[in-house]
Amino acid sequence: MSIDKSLRRKSGMSGSRSVLTRAERIEALKADDKWTDGRSPFNLPKVRVMKLGKKPKKAAKTAEAAKDAKGAKPAAGGKK
């Protein structure tokens, strides 16, 4: 049975997850040099999940965009 469209979440899986799969945890341990070959994949130590936050807007880019908007010609069909 499928879920009704009105009950679905719009964001889906776009948010950050708080739990990693076993393979992702092993990759993180390898990156931190805490994994040795031949080790059992069970009973792994905890691995911190880095949550991605919103990137702050840079003032320089917004200032350039404002200058471009002031000097830009209005689009055809727009109000004058």
N, C-alpha and C. Protein backbone atom coordinates (compact mmCIF):
# COMPACT_ATOMS: atom_id res chain seq x y z
N MET A 1 0.84 -1.17 0.00
CA MET A 1 0.00 0.00 0.00
C MET A 1 0.90 1.25 0.00
N SER A 2 0.57 2.21 -0.80
CA SER A 2 1.40 3.40 -0.90
C SER A 2 0.86 4.50 0.01
N ILE A 3 1.71 5.47 0.29
CA ILE A 3 1.35 6.59 1.16
C ILE A 3 0.73 7.70 0.31
N ASP A 4 -0.25 8.36 0.88
CA ASP A 4 -0.92 9.45 0.16
C ASP A 4 0.04 10.62 -0.02
N LYS A 5 -0.09 11.36 -1.12
CA LYS A 5 0.81 12.48 -1.42
C LYS A 5 0.74 13.57 -0.36
N SER A 6 -0.43 13.76 0.25
CA SER A 6 -0.57 14.82 1.25
C SER A 6 0.17 14.48 2.55
N LEU A 7 0.49 13.21 2.76
CA LEU A 7 1.17 12.80 3.98
C LEU A 7 2.68 12.70 3.83
N ARG A 8 3.16 12.83 2.61
CA ARG A 8 4.60 12.76 2.38
C ARG A 8 5.28 14.03 2.83
N ARG A 9 6.50 13.88 3.27
CA ARG A 9 7.30 15.05 3.63
C ARG A 9 7.90 15.64 2.38
N LYS A 10 7.90 16.94 2.30
CA LYS A 10 8.43 17.60 1.10
C LYS A 10 9.95 17.52 1.05
N SER A 11 10.60 17.55 2.20
CA SER A 11 12.05 17.56 2.22
C SER A 11 12.64 16.18 1.92
N GLY A 12 11.89 15.12 2.18
CA GLY A 12 12.39 13.78 1.92
C GLY A 12 13.61 13.48 2.77
N MET A 13 14.64 12.94 2.17
CA MET A 13 15.86 12.59 2.90
C MET A 13 16.93 13.66 2.71
N SER A 14 16.56 14.88 2.50
CA SER A 14 17.54 15.93 2.26
C SER A 14 18.24 16.38 3.53
N GLY A 15 17.67 16.10 4.69
CA GLY A 15 18.28 16.51 5.95
C GLY A 15 19.44 15.61 6.32
N SER A 16 20.21 16.00 7.33
CA SER A 16 21.34 15.20 7.74
C SER A 16 20.87 14.05 8.62
N ARG A 17 21.52 12.92 8.48
CA ARG A 17 21.17 11.74 9.26
C ARG A 17 21.99 11.72 10.53
N SER A 18 21.45 11.15 11.60
CA SER A 18 22.18 11.09 12.86
C SER A 18 22.86 9.73 13.03
N VAL A 19 22.61 8.79 12.13
CA VAL A 19 23.19 7.45 12.24
C VAL A 19 23.85 7.10 10.92
N LEU A 20 25.05 6.52 11.00
CA LEU A 20 25.76 6.09 9.81
C LEU A 20 25.60 4.59 9.63
N THR A 21 25.71 4.13 8.40
CA THR A 21 25.70 2.71 8.15
C THR A 21 27.06 2.13 8.57
N ARG A 22 27.13 0.82 8.66
CA ARG A 22 28.38 0.18 9.08
C ARG A 22 29.50 0.52 8.10
N ALA A 23 29.21 0.51 6.81
CA ALA A 23 30.24 0.82 5.81
C ALA A 23 30.72 2.26 5.95
N GLU A 24 29.80 3.19 6.21
CA GLU A 24 30.18 4.60 6.39
C GLU A 24 31.02 4.78 7.64
N ARG A 25 30.70 4.03 8.70
CA ARG A 25 31.49 4.12 9.92
C ARG A 25 32.91 3.59 9.70
N ILE A 26 33.03 2.50 8.93
CA ILE A 26 34.35 1.95 8.64
C ILE A 26 35.16 2.94 7.81
N GLU A 27 34.53 3.58 6.83
CA GLU A 27 35.23 4.59 6.02
C GLU A 27 35.71 5.75 6.89
N ALA A 28 34.88 6.18 7.85
CA ALA A 28 35.27 7.27 8.75
C ALA A 28 36.43 6.85 9.63
N LEU A 29 36.43 5.61 10.10
CA LEU A 29 37.53 5.11 10.92
C LEU A 29 38.82 5.01 10.10
N LYS A 30 38.69 4.61 8.82
CA LYS A 30 39.87 4.55 7.96
C LYS A 30 40.45 5.94 7.74
N ALA A 31 39.59 6.93 7.58
CA ALA A 31 40.06 8.30 7.36
C ALA A 31 40.79 8.83 8.59
N ASP A 32 40.38 8.39 9.78
CA ASP A 32 41.02 8.82 11.02
C ASP A 32 42.16 7.92 11.44
N ASP A 33 42.54 6.94 10.59
CA ASP A 33 43.59 5.96 10.88
C ASP A 33 43.32 5.17 12.16
N LYS A 34 42.06 4.86 12.41
CA LYS A 34 41.68 4.06 13.57
C LYS A 34 41.21 2.67 13.17
N TRP A 35 41.35 2.32 11.90
CA TRP A 35 40.88 1.03 11.40
C TRP A 35 42.08 0.20 10.98
N THR A 36 42.11 -1.06 11.41
CA THR A 36 43.15 -1.97 10.98
C THR A 36 42.51 -3.07 10.14
N ASP A 37 43.18 -3.49 9.07
CA ASP A 37 42.66 -4.54 8.21
C ASP A 37 42.56 -5.84 9.00
N GLY A 38 41.53 -6.60 8.73
CA GLY A 38 41.34 -7.87 9.43
C GLY A 38 40.52 -7.74 10.70
N ARG A 39 40.16 -6.52 11.06
CA ARG A 39 39.37 -6.30 12.28
C ARG A 39 37.91 -6.67 12.00
N SER A 40 37.22 -7.10 13.03
CA SER A 40 35.82 -7.48 12.89
C SER A 40 34.96 -6.24 12.64
N PRO A 41 34.01 -6.31 11.72
CA PRO A 41 33.15 -5.15 11.45
C PRO A 41 32.05 -4.96 12.51
N PHE A 42 32.01 -5.85 13.49
CA PHE A 42 31.02 -5.74 14.55
C PHE A 42 31.62 -5.04 15.76
N ASN A 43 30.76 -4.45 16.60
CA ASN A 43 31.18 -3.78 17.82
C ASN A 43 32.15 -2.63 17.51
N LEU A 44 31.78 -1.81 16.56
CA LEU A 44 32.62 -0.68 16.16
C LEU A 44 32.51 0.46 17.16
N PRO A 45 33.56 1.26 17.32
CA PRO A 45 33.45 2.43 18.21
C PRO A 45 32.55 3.49 17.60
N LYS A 46 32.10 4.41 18.42
CA LYS A 46 31.23 5.48 17.95
C LYS A 46 32.00 6.41 17.01
N VAL A 47 31.29 6.93 16.02
CA VAL A 47 31.87 7.86 15.06
C VAL A 47 30.98 9.09 15.05
N ARG A 48 31.58 10.25 15.22
CA ARG A 48 30.81 11.48 15.24
C ARG A 48 30.30 11.82 13.85
N VAL A 49 29.05 12.22 13.79
CA VAL A 49 28.43 12.58 12.52
C VAL A 49 28.50 14.10 12.39
N MET A 50 29.13 14.55 11.31
CA MET A 50 29.24 15.98 11.09
C MET A 50 27.98 16.46 10.40
N LYS A 51 27.23 17.33 11.06
CA LYS A 51 26.01 17.85 10.47
C LYS A 51 26.35 19.05 9.61
N LEU A 52 25.73 19.10 8.45
CA LEU A 52 25.95 20.21 7.54
C LEU A 52 24.96 21.31 7.85
N GLY A 53 25.47 22.50 8.14
CA GLY A 53 24.61 23.63 8.43
C GLY A 53 24.45 24.50 7.21
N LYS A 54 23.63 25.51 7.35
CA LYS A 54 23.45 26.45 6.25
C LYS A 54 24.69 27.31 6.11
N LYS A 55 25.07 27.57 4.89
CA LYS A 55 26.24 28.39 4.64
C LYS A 55 25.86 29.86 4.77
N PRO A 56 26.65 30.63 5.52
CA PRO A 56 26.34 32.06 5.63
C PRO A 56 26.62 32.77 4.32
N LYS A 57 25.80 33.74 4.03
CA LYS A 57 25.99 34.51 2.80
C LYS A 57 27.18 35.45 2.98
N LYS A 58 27.99 35.54 1.98
CA LYS A 58 29.15 36.42 2.05
C LYS A 58 28.74 37.82 1.64
N ALA A 59 29.21 38.80 2.39
CA ALA A 59 28.84 40.20 2.15
C ALA A 59 29.35 40.68 0.79
N ALA A 60 30.51 40.20 0.39
CA ALA A 60 31.09 40.66 -0.87
C ALA A 60 30.24 40.22 -2.05
N LYS A 61 29.78 39.00 -2.03
CA LYS A 61 28.97 38.50 -3.15
C LYS A 61 27.62 39.21 -3.20
N THR A 62 27.02 39.48 -2.04
CA THR A 62 25.72 40.14 -2.04
C THR A 62 25.88 41.60 -2.47
N ALA A 63 26.99 42.23 -2.14
CA ALA A 63 27.22 43.61 -2.55
C ALA A 63 27.39 43.70 -4.07
N GLU A 64 28.10 42.71 -4.63
CA GLU A 64 28.27 42.70 -6.09
C GLU A 64 26.94 42.46 -6.78
N ALA A 65 26.12 41.60 -6.22
CA ALA A 65 24.81 41.31 -6.81
C ALA A 65 23.93 42.56 -6.76
N ALA A 66 24.04 43.33 -5.68
CA ALA A 66 23.24 44.55 -5.56
C ALA A 66 23.69 45.59 -6.60
N LYS A 67 24.99 45.69 -6.83
CA LYS A 67 25.50 46.62 -7.84
C LYS A 67 25.02 46.22 -9.22
N ASP A 68 25.07 44.92 -9.50
CA ASP A 68 24.62 44.43 -10.80
C ASP A 68 23.13 44.69 -10.99
N ALA A 69 22.35 44.55 -9.95
CA ALA A 69 20.91 44.74 -10.05
C ALA A 69 20.57 46.21 -10.31
N LYS A 70 21.33 47.12 -9.72
CA LYS A 70 21.07 48.55 -9.93
C LYS A 70 21.43 48.98 -11.34
N GLY A 71 22.52 48.42 -11.87
CA GLY A 71 22.99 48.82 -13.20
C GLY A 71 22.37 48.03 -14.33
N ALA A 72 21.60 47.01 -14.00
CA ALA A 72 21.03 46.15 -15.05
C ALA A 72 19.84 46.83 -15.72
N LYS A 73 19.67 46.54 -17.00
CA LYS A 73 18.54 47.06 -17.73
C LYS A 73 17.31 46.23 -17.42
N PRO A 74 16.12 46.84 -17.39
CA PRO A 74 14.91 46.05 -17.12
C PRO A 74 14.66 45.06 -18.26
N ALA A 75 14.09 43.93 -17.91
CA ALA A 75 13.82 42.90 -18.90
C ALA A 75 12.68 43.34 -19.83
N ALA A 76 12.69 42.78 -21.02
CA ALA A 76 11.63 43.14 -21.99
C ALA A 76 10.29 42.66 -21.46
N GLY A 77 9.27 43.50 -21.56
CA GLY A 77 7.95 43.14 -21.08
C GLY A 77 7.74 43.50 -19.62
N GLY A 78 8.76 43.98 -18.96
CA GLY A 78 8.64 44.35 -17.54
C GLY A 78 8.15 45.77 -17.39
N LYS A 79 7.81 46.16 -16.19
CA LYS A 79 7.36 47.53 -15.94
C LYS A 79 8.55 48.47 -16.02
N LYS A 80 8.28 49.67 -16.53
CA LYS A 80 9.35 50.66 -16.69
C LYS A 80 9.26 51.72 -15.63
